[in-house]
Every structure is written in structure tokens, then in C-alpha cells.
Amino acid sequence: MAVAEPPDKPAAWRRWLGIALRAFHLAAVVWLGAALLGAPLGRVPAAAAVLATGAALLAIETIDERMRWDELAGFVSLLKLAVVAWMVLDAERAPQLFWIVLFVSAIVSHAPRQVRHWRPGRSPAG
């Protein structure tokens, strides 16, 4: 059985762009969490920053073929962006939604590779 060639690695500048975006995304998540915990920082602009940086990360990882939307990690990423948008519309539920997204993010991002890249109709092992 032939083994598929791994996709070409992206250029170094693209890798650094992804790293910078991830740093801004983490800062935006902290900003949103602080706003939801009562800091006078503005929930809506914080959520907008999380959405913008999250969408940019998703786009880069999709283009670089590190993530597929039909795999668990890609689907969860889209779902998380939708839930952050929900936080903008529903201030009352935003704190609970924030903690759910944070918890799910930690689990999925640190799950074994075969779990993160699982696709429906395919066993986790392959």
C-alpha cells in the first residue's frame, strides 16, 4: 500500500504569521475572558478580536493543509467561532459559553492526533 506524501511545508514567513496570529488570538481570548469576568474592557470588541484571529488561523491552517473542516479539529474550530459569535448576541449566557469553549478547546487541541484528525465514517485509528 502506497504511503501518501506529506504536504510541502509552508514558507518560514507563513509559519511565523501563524505563530503571531496564535499569540494575538490567545491575547484576545484573555481579553474576552477578563471582560466577561467584569473588567471594563468591552465584551463585543474582545469577541470580535477572537473571531477575527480565530478565522485567520483557521484559514491559514486550511490553506497549509494542517486542518480539514471535515475532521474533528476543523469542525470544532468552526463551532467555536459560531459560539463566540453567539456570545456577542447573548450577554447573559456569554460567561458560560466562554468556559465551555475554553474547555472544549483544551481537550481537542491536546487530544491525540488520530482523535483531532478523526472524520465521521472513519475509525479513530485510520
C-alpha atoms as a PDB file:
ATOM      1  CA  MET A   1       0.000   0.000   0.000  1.00  0.00           C
ATOM      2  CA  ALA A   2       1.447   3.371  -1.017  1.00  0.00           C
ATOM      3  CA  VAL A   3       2.013   5.986   1.655  1.00  0.00           C
ATOM      4  CA  ALA A   4       0.783   9.478   0.795  1.00  0.00           C
ATOM      5  CA  GLU A   5       3.475  12.130   0.638  1.00  0.00           C
ATOM      6  CA  PRO A   6       3.143  14.768   3.364  1.00  0.00           C
ATOM      7  CA  PRO A   7       2.165  18.191   2.059  1.00  0.00           C
ATOM      8  CA  ASP A   8       5.004  20.629   1.465  1.00  0.00           C
ATOM      9  CA  LYS A   9       5.853  22.719   4.487  1.00  0.00           C
ATOM     10  CA  PRO A  10       4.756  26.343   4.186  1.00  0.00           C
ATOM     11  CA  ALA A  11       7.336  29.079   3.806  1.00  0.00           C
ATOM     12  CA  ALA A  12       9.006  30.251   7.006  1.00  0.00           C
ATOM     13  CA  TRP A  13       7.171  33.590   6.879  1.00  0.00           C
ATOM     14  CA  ARG A  14       3.844  31.741   6.795  1.00  0.00           C
ATOM     15  CA  ARG A  15       4.844  29.750   9.858  1.00  0.00           C
ATOM     16  CA  TRP A  16       5.767  32.971  11.674  1.00  0.00           C
ATOM     17  CA  LEU A  17       2.500  34.572  10.580  1.00  0.00           C
ATOM     18  CA  GLY A  18       0.651  31.633  12.133  1.00  0.00           C
ATOM     19  CA  ILE A  19       2.653  31.963  15.345  1.00  0.00           C
ATOM     20  CA  ALA A  20       1.955  35.710  15.543  1.00  0.00           C
ATOM     21  CA  LEU A  21      -1.758  35.149  14.859  1.00  0.00           C
ATOM     22  CA  ARG A  22      -1.904  32.476  17.552  1.00  0.00           C
ATOM     23  CA  ALA A  23      -0.302  34.887  20.046  1.00  0.00           C
ATOM     24  CA  PHE A  24      -2.833  37.609  19.163  1.00  0.00           C
ATOM     25  CA  HIS A  25      -5.632  35.041  19.372  1.00  0.00           C
ATOM     26  CA  LEU A  26      -4.578  33.979  22.872  1.00  0.00           C
ATOM     27  CA  ALA A  27      -4.385  37.635  23.926  1.00  0.00           C
ATOM     28  CA  ALA A  28      -7.888  38.196  22.520  1.00  0.00           C
ATOM     29  CA  VAL A  29      -9.199  35.158  24.438  1.00  0.00           C
ATOM     30  CA  VAL A  30      -7.707  36.563  27.663  1.00  0.00           C
ATOM     31  CA  TRP A  31      -9.255  39.965  26.845  1.00  0.00           C
ATOM     32  CA  LEU A  32     -12.663  38.353  26.299  1.00  0.00           C
ATOM     33  CA  GLY A  33     -12.383  36.317  29.500  1.00  0.00           C
ATOM     34  CA  ALA A  34     -11.410  39.398  31.509  1.00  0.00           C
ATOM     35  CA  ALA A  35     -14.322  41.370  30.031  1.00  0.00           C
ATOM     36  CA  LEU A  36     -16.726  38.552  30.918  1.00  0.00           C
ATOM     37  CA  LEU A  37     -15.376  38.446  34.463  1.00  0.00           C
ATOM     38  CA  GLY A  38     -16.138  42.130  34.958  1.00  0.00           C
ATOM     39  CA  ALA A  39     -13.079  44.050  33.769  1.00  0.00           C
ATOM     40  CA  PRO A  40     -14.102  47.277  31.992  1.00  0.00           C
ATOM     41  CA  LEU A  41     -12.710  46.118  28.643  1.00  0.00           C
ATOM     42  CA  GLY A  42     -15.695  45.626  26.338  1.00  0.00           C
ATOM     43  CA  ARG A  43     -17.076  42.185  25.555  1.00  0.00           C
ATOM     44  CA  VAL A  44     -18.040  42.924  21.946  1.00  0.00           C
ATOM     45  CA  PRO A  45     -14.658  44.216  20.698  1.00  0.00           C
ATOM     46  CA  ALA A  46     -12.933  41.377  22.549  1.00  0.00           C
ATOM     47  CA  ALA A  47     -15.212  38.814  20.910  1.00  0.00           C
ATOM     48  CA  ALA A  48     -14.609  40.481  17.530  1.00  0.00           C
ATOM     49  CA  ALA A  49     -10.855  40.122  18.073  1.00  0.00           C
ATOM     50  CA  VAL A  50     -11.297  36.433  18.979  1.00  0.00           C
ATOM     51  CA  LEU A  51     -13.428  35.899  15.862  1.00  0.00           C
ATOM     52  CA  ALA A  52     -11.017  37.723  13.537  1.00  0.00           C
ATOM     53  CA  THR A  53      -7.885  35.995  14.782  1.00  0.00           C
ATOM     54  CA  GLY A  54      -9.623  32.616  15.012  1.00  0.00           C
ATOM     55  CA  ALA A  55     -10.933  32.875  11.453  1.00  0.00           C
ATOM     56  CA  ALA A  56      -7.478  33.906  10.220  1.00  0.00           C
ATOM     57  CA  LEU A  57      -5.873  30.933  11.995  1.00  0.00           C
ATOM     58  CA  LEU A  58      -8.471  28.577  10.564  1.00  0.00           C
ATOM     59  CA  ALA A  59      -7.847  29.961   7.074  1.00  0.00           C
ATOM     60  CA  ILE A  60      -4.063  29.594   7.320  1.00  0.00           C
ATOM     61  CA  GLU A  61      -4.265  26.074   8.705  1.00  0.00           C
ATOM     62  CA  THR A  62      -6.739  25.094   5.993  1.00  0.00           C
ATOM     63  CA  ILE A  63      -4.591  26.591   3.222  1.00  0.00           C
ATOM     64  CA  ASP A  64      -1.477  24.897   4.610  1.00  0.00           C
ATOM     65  CA  GLU A  65      -3.439  21.613   4.795  1.00  0.00           C
ATOM     66  CA  ARG A  66      -2.824  21.207   8.527  1.00  0.00           C
ATOM     67  CA  MET A  67      -6.556  21.192   9.189  1.00  0.00           C
ATOM     68  CA  ARG A  68      -9.601  19.942   7.324  1.00  0.00           C
ATOM     69  CA  TRP A  69     -13.124  21.086   8.056  1.00  0.00           C
ATOM     70  CA  ASP A  70     -14.444  17.524   7.771  1.00  0.00           C
ATOM     71  CA  GLU A  71     -12.168  16.389  10.611  1.00  0.00           C
ATOM     72  CA  LEU A  72     -12.958  16.783  14.300  1.00  0.00           C
ATOM     73  CA  ALA A  73     -10.470  19.640  14.888  1.00  0.00           C
ATOM     74  CA  GLY A  74     -11.726  21.627  11.889  1.00  0.00           C
ATOM     75  CA  PHE A  75     -15.378  21.126  12.766  1.00  0.00           C
ATOM     76  CA  VAL A  76     -14.746  22.099  16.394  1.00  0.00           C
ATOM     77  CA  SER A  77     -12.883  25.239  15.238  1.00  0.00           C
ATOM     78  CA  LEU A  78     -15.875  26.323  13.145  1.00  0.00           C
ATOM     79  CA  LEU A  79     -18.210  25.525  16.025  1.00  0.00           C
ATOM     80  CA  LYS A  80     -16.090  27.577  18.456  1.00  0.00           C
ATOM     81  CA  LEU A  81     -16.248  30.601  16.129  1.00  0.00           C
ATOM     82  CA  ALA A  82     -20.030  30.237  15.975  1.00  0.00           C
ATOM     83  CA  VAL A  83     -20.255  30.083  19.774  1.00  0.00           C
ATOM     84  CA  VAL A  84     -18.074  33.213  20.124  1.00  0.00           C
ATOM     85  CA  ALA A  85     -20.464  34.992  17.740  1.00  0.00           C
ATOM     86  CA  TRP A  86     -23.316  33.769  19.977  1.00  0.00           C
ATOM     87  CA  MET A  87     -21.521  35.403  22.939  1.00  0.00           C
ATOM     88  CA  VAL A  88     -21.813  38.756  21.171  1.00  0.00           C
ATOM     89  CA  LEU A  89     -25.564  38.299  20.780  1.00  0.00           C
ATOM     90  CA  ASP A  90     -26.308  36.802  24.197  1.00  0.00           C
ATOM     91  CA  ALA A  91     -24.571  38.699  27.016  1.00  0.00           C
ATOM     92  CA  GLU A  92     -26.391  36.697  29.689  1.00  0.00           C
ATOM     93  CA  ARG A  93     -25.064  33.328  28.502  1.00  0.00           C
ATOM     94  CA  ALA A  94     -21.659  34.614  27.334  1.00  0.00           C
ATOM     95  CA  PRO A  95     -19.734  33.681  30.521  1.00  0.00           C
ATOM     96  CA  GLN A  96     -20.958  30.068  30.452  1.00  0.00           C
ATOM     97  CA  LEU A  97     -20.311  29.809  26.720  1.00  0.00           C
ATOM     98  CA  PHE A  98     -16.792  31.173  27.221  1.00  0.00           C
ATOM     99  CA  TRP A  99     -15.918  28.433  29.722  1.00  0.00           C
ATOM    100  CA  ILE A 100     -17.418  25.742  27.501  1.00  0.00           C
ATOM    101  CA  VAL A 101     -15.351  26.945  24.521  1.00  0.00           C
ATOM    102  CA  LEU A 102     -12.211  27.127  26.653  1.00  0.00           C
ATOM    103  CA  PHE A 103     -12.737  23.597  27.998  1.00  0.00           C
ATOM    104  CA  VAL A 104     -13.518  22.094  24.565  1.00  0.00           C
ATOM    105  CA  SER A 105     -10.527  23.915  23.039  1.00  0.00           C
ATOM    106  CA  ALA A 106      -8.138  22.488  25.614  1.00  0.00           C
ATOM    107  CA  ILE A 107      -9.422  18.947  25.134  1.00  0.00           C
ATOM    108  CA  VAL A 108      -9.464  18.950  21.336  1.00  0.00           C
ATOM    109  CA  SER A 109      -6.150  20.774  20.858  1.00  0.00           C
ATOM    110  CA  HIS A 110      -4.334  18.371  23.200  1.00  0.00           C
ATOM    111  CA  ALA A 111      -6.071  15.188  22.076  1.00  0.00           C
ATOM    112  CA  PRO A 112      -4.004  12.568  20.250  1.00  0.00           C
ATOM    113  CA  ARG A 113      -3.505  13.245  16.548  1.00  0.00           C
ATOM    114  CA  GLN A 114      -5.802  10.400  15.473  1.00  0.00           C
ATOM    115  CA  VAL A 115      -8.611  11.966  17.522  1.00  0.00           C
ATOM    116  CA  ARG A 116      -8.046  15.532  16.236  1.00  0.00           C
ATOM    117  CA  HIS A 117      -7.993  14.293  12.638  1.00  0.00           C
ATOM    118  CA  TRP A 118     -10.887  11.859  13.009  1.00  0.00           C
ATOM    119  CA  ARG A 119     -13.552  12.062  10.303  1.00  0.00           C
ATOM    120  CA  PRO A 120     -17.083  10.655  10.559  1.00  0.00           C
ATOM    121  CA  GLY A 121     -17.302   7.231   8.948  1.00  0.00           C
ATOM    122  CA  ARG A 122     -13.652   6.513   9.703  1.00  0.00           C
ATOM    123  CA  SER A 123     -12.358   4.761  12.792  1.00  0.00           C
ATOM    124  CA  PRO A 124     -10.069   6.843  15.038  1.00  0.00           C
ATOM    125  CA  ALA A 125      -7.126   4.556  14.213  1.00  0.00           C
ATOM    126  CA  GLY A 126      -7.285   5.140  10.476  1.00  0.00           C
END
